[in-house]
C-alpha cells in the first residue's frame, strides 16, 4: 500500500512539474511576441519618423485590385527612388 502511495505521489509530482514547465514556456513565448510587437509599434509611432509617414501617405498610392503587382511595384519604387534622402521638396 505504501509503495502505491509513493508511486501515485511521484506521478502527481511529475505531472505538476510538467504542467508548470509548459506554462512557463507559454509565458515566455507570449512575452517574446509582445516584445516584438512593442518594438515594431515603437518604431512605427516614433515622433522622429512623422515626416516619413506623412510622405508615404501623401505620395504612395495603394495597389488597386485590378492593377498588376509588378507594374505597381515599379511605379512605387521609381517614386521612392526619385526622392533623395534628407532632401525636402519645396
N, C-alpha and C. Protein backbone atom coordinates (compact mmCIF):
# COMPACT_ATOMS: atom_id res chain seq x y z
N UNK A 1 0.82 -1.19 0.00
CA UNK A 1 0.00 0.00 0.00
C UNK A 1 0.87 1.27 0.00
N UNK A 2 1.96 1.22 0.78
CA UNK A 2 2.85 2.38 0.86
C UNK A 2 3.52 2.61 -0.49
N UNK A 3 3.92 1.53 -1.16
CA UNK A 3 4.58 1.68 -2.46
C UNK A 3 3.62 2.28 -3.48
N UNK A 4 2.35 1.94 -3.40
CA UNK A 4 1.34 2.52 -4.30
C UNK A 4 1.21 4.02 -4.05
N UNK A 5 1.24 4.42 -2.79
CA UNK A 5 1.15 5.84 -2.44
C UNK A 5 2.38 6.59 -2.93
N UNK A 6 3.55 5.98 -2.82
CA UNK A 6 4.79 6.61 -3.29
C UNK A 6 4.75 6.78 -4.80
N UNK A 7 4.30 5.74 -5.52
CA UNK A 7 4.20 5.82 -6.99
C UNK A 7 3.18 6.88 -7.38
N UNK A 8 2.04 6.90 -6.72
CA UNK A 8 1.00 7.90 -7.01
C UNK A 8 1.50 9.31 -6.74
N UNK A 9 2.20 9.50 -5.64
CA UNK A 9 2.76 10.81 -5.32
C UNK A 9 3.81 11.23 -6.32
N UNK A 10 4.62 10.30 -6.75
CA UNK A 10 5.66 10.60 -7.75
C UNK A 10 5.04 11.00 -9.08
N UNK A 11 4.00 10.28 -9.48
CA UNK A 11 3.32 10.62 -10.74
C UNK A 11 2.65 11.99 -10.65
N UNK A 12 2.04 12.26 -9.52
CA UNK A 12 1.41 13.57 -9.33
C UNK A 12 2.44 14.68 -9.38
N UNK A 13 3.56 14.49 -8.69
CA UNK A 13 4.64 15.47 -8.68
C UNK A 13 5.17 15.69 -10.10
N UNK A 14 5.38 14.60 -10.84
CA UNK A 14 5.89 14.70 -12.21
C UNK A 14 4.89 15.45 -13.10
N UNK A 15 3.61 15.17 -12.92
CA UNK A 15 2.57 15.84 -13.70
C UNK A 15 2.54 17.34 -13.42
N UNK A 16 2.63 17.71 -12.17
CA UNK A 16 2.63 19.12 -11.80
C UNK A 16 3.86 19.82 -12.36
N UNK A 17 5.01 19.20 -12.29
CA UNK A 17 6.24 19.78 -12.84
C UNK A 17 6.13 19.98 -14.35
N UNK A 18 5.59 18.99 -15.04
CA UNK A 18 5.43 19.08 -16.50
C UNK A 18 4.52 20.25 -16.87
N UNK A 19 3.37 20.34 -16.20
CA UNK A 19 2.41 21.41 -16.49
C UNK A 19 3.05 22.76 -16.17
N UNK A 20 3.78 22.85 -15.09
CA UNK A 20 4.44 24.09 -14.71
C UNK A 20 5.46 24.53 -15.77
N UNK A 21 6.24 23.59 -16.29
CA UNK A 21 7.23 23.91 -17.32
C UNK A 21 6.54 24.35 -18.62
N UNK A 22 5.45 23.69 -18.98
CA UNK A 22 4.71 24.07 -20.18
C UNK A 22 4.12 25.47 -20.04
N UNK A 23 3.61 25.79 -18.87
CA UNK A 23 3.09 27.14 -18.64
C UNK A 23 4.19 28.18 -18.72
N UNK A 24 5.35 27.86 -18.20
CA UNK A 24 6.49 28.79 -18.26
C UNK A 24 6.91 29.02 -19.71
N UNK A 25 6.92 27.96 -20.52
CA UNK A 25 7.26 28.09 -21.94
C UNK A 25 6.24 28.98 -22.66
N UNK A 26 4.96 28.77 -22.36
CA UNK A 26 3.91 29.56 -22.99
C UNK A 26 4.04 31.04 -22.60
N UNK A 27 4.33 31.31 -21.32
CA UNK A 27 4.51 32.69 -20.87
C UNK A 27 5.71 33.33 -21.55
N UNK A 28 6.79 32.58 -21.69
CA UNK A 28 8.00 33.11 -22.33
C UNK A 28 7.73 33.43 -23.80
N UNK A 29 7.00 32.54 -24.47
CA UNK A 29 6.66 32.76 -25.87
C UNK A 29 5.76 33.98 -26.03
N UNK A 30 4.79 34.13 -25.14
CA UNK A 30 3.89 35.28 -25.19
C UNK A 30 4.66 36.58 -24.93
N UNK A 31 5.60 36.55 -23.99
CA UNK A 31 6.40 37.75 -23.69
C UNK A 31 7.27 38.12 -24.89
N UNK A 32 7.86 37.14 -25.54
CA UNK A 32 8.67 37.40 -26.71
C UNK A 32 7.83 38.03 -27.82
N UNK A 33 6.64 37.48 -28.05
CA UNK A 33 5.74 38.03 -29.07
C UNK A 33 5.38 39.47 -28.74
N UNK A 34 5.08 39.73 -27.48
CA UNK A 34 4.73 41.09 -27.07
C UNK A 34 5.91 42.03 -27.24
N UNK A 35 7.11 41.58 -26.90
CA UNK A 35 8.30 42.42 -27.04
C UNK A 35 8.54 42.78 -28.50
N UNK A 36 8.34 41.83 -29.40
CA UNK A 36 8.50 42.09 -30.83
C UNK A 36 7.45 43.11 -31.28
N UNK A 37 6.21 42.89 -30.86
CA UNK A 37 5.13 43.82 -31.21
C UNK A 37 5.46 45.22 -30.69
N UNK A 38 5.92 45.32 -29.47
CA UNK A 38 6.22 46.61 -28.86
C UNK A 38 7.35 47.33 -29.60
N UNK A 39 8.37 46.60 -30.01
CA UNK A 39 9.48 47.20 -30.75
C UNK A 39 9.01 47.74 -32.10
N UNK A 40 8.19 46.98 -32.80
CA UNK A 40 7.66 47.44 -34.09
C UNK A 40 6.76 48.65 -33.89
N UNK A 41 5.89 48.59 -32.89
CA UNK A 41 4.98 49.70 -32.60
C UNK A 41 5.77 50.96 -32.29
N UNK A 42 6.80 50.83 -31.47
CA UNK A 42 7.62 52.00 -31.10
C UNK A 42 8.29 52.61 -32.32
N UNK A 43 8.79 51.77 -33.22
CA UNK A 43 9.43 52.30 -34.42
C UNK A 43 8.42 52.98 -35.34
N UNK A 44 7.24 52.40 -35.47
CA UNK A 44 6.23 52.97 -36.37
C UNK A 44 5.64 54.26 -35.84
N UNK A 45 5.61 54.42 -34.54
CA UNK A 45 4.97 55.60 -33.97
C UNK A 45 5.97 56.62 -33.42
N UNK A 46 7.24 56.42 -33.68
CA UNK A 46 8.27 57.34 -33.18
C UNK A 46 8.07 58.73 -33.79
N UNK A 47 8.11 59.76 -32.98
CA UNK A 47 7.92 61.13 -33.49
C UNK A 47 8.94 61.50 -34.58
N UNK A 48 10.17 60.95 -34.49
CA UNK A 48 11.19 61.27 -35.49
C UNK A 48 10.78 60.79 -36.88
N UNK A 49 9.90 59.81 -36.94
CA UNK A 49 9.50 59.22 -38.23
C UNK A 49 8.24 59.86 -38.80
N UNK A 50 7.75 60.91 -38.17
CA UNK A 50 6.50 61.52 -38.62
C UNK A 50 6.59 62.03 -40.05
N UNK A 51 7.68 62.67 -40.41
CA UNK A 51 7.83 63.20 -41.77
C UNK A 51 7.82 62.07 -42.80
N UNK A 52 8.47 60.96 -42.46
CA UNK A 52 8.49 59.82 -43.39
C UNK A 52 7.09 59.24 -43.55
N UNK A 53 6.37 59.10 -42.45
CA UNK A 53 5.00 58.58 -42.53
C UNK A 53 4.12 59.51 -43.36
N UNK A 54 4.26 60.80 -43.14
CA UNK A 54 3.47 61.78 -43.89
C UNK A 54 3.79 61.70 -45.38
N UNK A 55 5.09 61.56 -45.72
CA UNK A 55 5.48 61.46 -47.13
C UNK A 55 4.88 60.21 -47.77
N UNK A 56 4.94 59.10 -47.07
CA UNK A 56 4.39 57.85 -47.60
C UNK A 56 2.90 57.98 -47.84
N UNK A 57 2.18 58.51 -46.86
CA UNK A 57 0.73 58.65 -47.01
C UNK A 57 0.35 59.62 -48.12
N UNK A 58 1.18 60.61 -48.36
CA UNK A 58 0.90 61.61 -49.38
C UNK A 58 1.29 61.12 -50.78
N UNK A 59 2.37 60.39 -50.90
CA UNK A 59 2.93 60.09 -52.21
C UNK A 59 2.76 58.66 -52.71
N UNK A 60 2.53 57.73 -51.85
CA UNK A 60 2.43 56.32 -52.29
C UNK A 60 0.96 55.92 -52.36
N UNK A 61 0.57 55.45 -53.53
CA UNK A 61 -0.81 55.01 -53.72
C UNK A 61 -0.92 53.52 -53.40
N UNK A 62 -2.04 53.14 -52.84
CA UNK A 62 -2.29 51.73 -52.57
C UNK A 62 -2.52 51.01 -53.89
N UNK A 63 -2.13 49.76 -53.95
CA UNK A 63 -2.31 48.96 -55.16
C UNK A 63 -3.80 48.71 -55.36
N UNK A 64 -4.26 49.00 -56.56
CA UNK A 64 -5.67 48.74 -56.88
C UNK A 64 -5.84 47.25 -57.17
N UNK A 65 -7.02 46.75 -56.94
CA UNK A 65 -7.27 45.32 -57.08
C UNK A 65 -6.96 44.82 -58.49
N UNK A 66 -7.31 45.60 -59.50
CA UNK A 66 -7.11 45.15 -60.89
C UNK A 66 -5.74 45.54 -61.45
N UNK A 67 -4.90 46.18 -60.65
CA UNK A 67 -3.58 46.64 -61.09
C UNK A 67 -2.56 45.50 -60.99
N UNK A 68 -1.69 45.43 -61.98
CA UNK A 68 -0.62 44.43 -61.99
C UNK A 68 0.36 44.73 -60.86
N UNK A 69 0.70 43.72 -60.09
CA UNK A 69 1.58 43.90 -58.94
C UNK A 69 2.97 44.39 -59.36
N UNK A 70 3.53 43.80 -60.41
CA UNK A 70 4.87 44.20 -60.86
C UNK A 70 4.87 45.66 -61.33
N UNK A 71 3.83 46.06 -62.07
CA UNK A 71 3.75 47.44 -62.55
C UNK A 71 3.59 48.40 -61.37
N UNK A 72 2.76 48.05 -60.40
CA UNK A 72 2.59 48.89 -59.21
C UNK A 72 3.91 49.02 -58.44
N UNK A 73 4.60 47.90 -58.31
CA UNK A 73 5.87 47.93 -57.59
C UNK A 73 6.88 48.82 -58.29
N UNK A 74 6.99 48.71 -59.62
CA UNK A 74 7.94 49.53 -60.36
C UNK A 74 7.60 51.01 -60.25
N UNK A 75 6.31 51.34 -60.34
CA UNK A 75 5.88 52.73 -60.22
C UNK A 75 6.19 53.27 -58.82
N UNK A 76 5.91 52.46 -57.81
CA UNK A 76 6.17 52.86 -56.42
C UNK A 76 7.66 53.00 -56.17
N UNK A 77 8.45 52.05 -56.65
CA UNK A 77 9.90 52.09 -56.47
C UNK A 77 10.48 53.32 -57.13
N UNK A 78 10.01 53.65 -58.33
CA UNK A 78 10.51 54.84 -59.03
C UNK A 78 10.17 56.10 -58.24
N UNK A 79 8.99 56.15 -57.67
CA UNK A 79 8.57 57.31 -56.87
C UNK A 79 9.47 57.45 -55.63
N UNK A 80 9.78 56.34 -55.00
CA UNK A 80 10.63 56.38 -53.82
C UNK A 80 12.05 56.78 -54.18
N UNK A 81 12.57 56.24 -55.27
CA UNK A 81 13.96 56.50 -55.64
C UNK A 81 14.18 57.91 -56.17
N UNK A 82 13.15 58.56 -56.68
CA UNK A 82 13.34 59.94 -57.16
C UNK A 82 13.50 60.91 -56.00
N UNK A 83 13.12 60.50 -54.83
CA UNK A 83 13.25 61.32 -53.62
C UNK A 83 14.61 61.04 -52.98
N UNK A 84 15.43 62.04 -52.84
CA UNK A 84 16.74 61.87 -52.25
C UNK A 84 16.64 61.94 -50.73
N UNK A 85 17.32 61.05 -50.02
CA UNK A 85 17.26 61.07 -48.56
C UNK A 85 17.72 62.40 -47.98
N UNK A 86 16.97 62.92 -47.05
CA UNK A 86 17.35 64.14 -46.38
C UNK A 86 16.98 65.41 -47.11
N UNK A 87 16.54 65.30 -48.36
CA UNK A 87 16.18 66.48 -49.15
C UNK A 87 14.67 66.67 -49.10
N UNK A 88 14.26 67.89 -48.87
CA UNK A 88 12.83 68.19 -48.84
C UNK A 88 12.48 68.95 -50.11
N UNK A 89 11.33 68.59 -50.66
CA UNK A 89 10.85 69.34 -51.84
C UNK A 89 10.28 70.64 -51.37
N UNK A 90 10.49 71.65 -52.18
CA UNK A 90 9.97 72.97 -51.82
C UNK A 90 8.51 73.12 -52.18
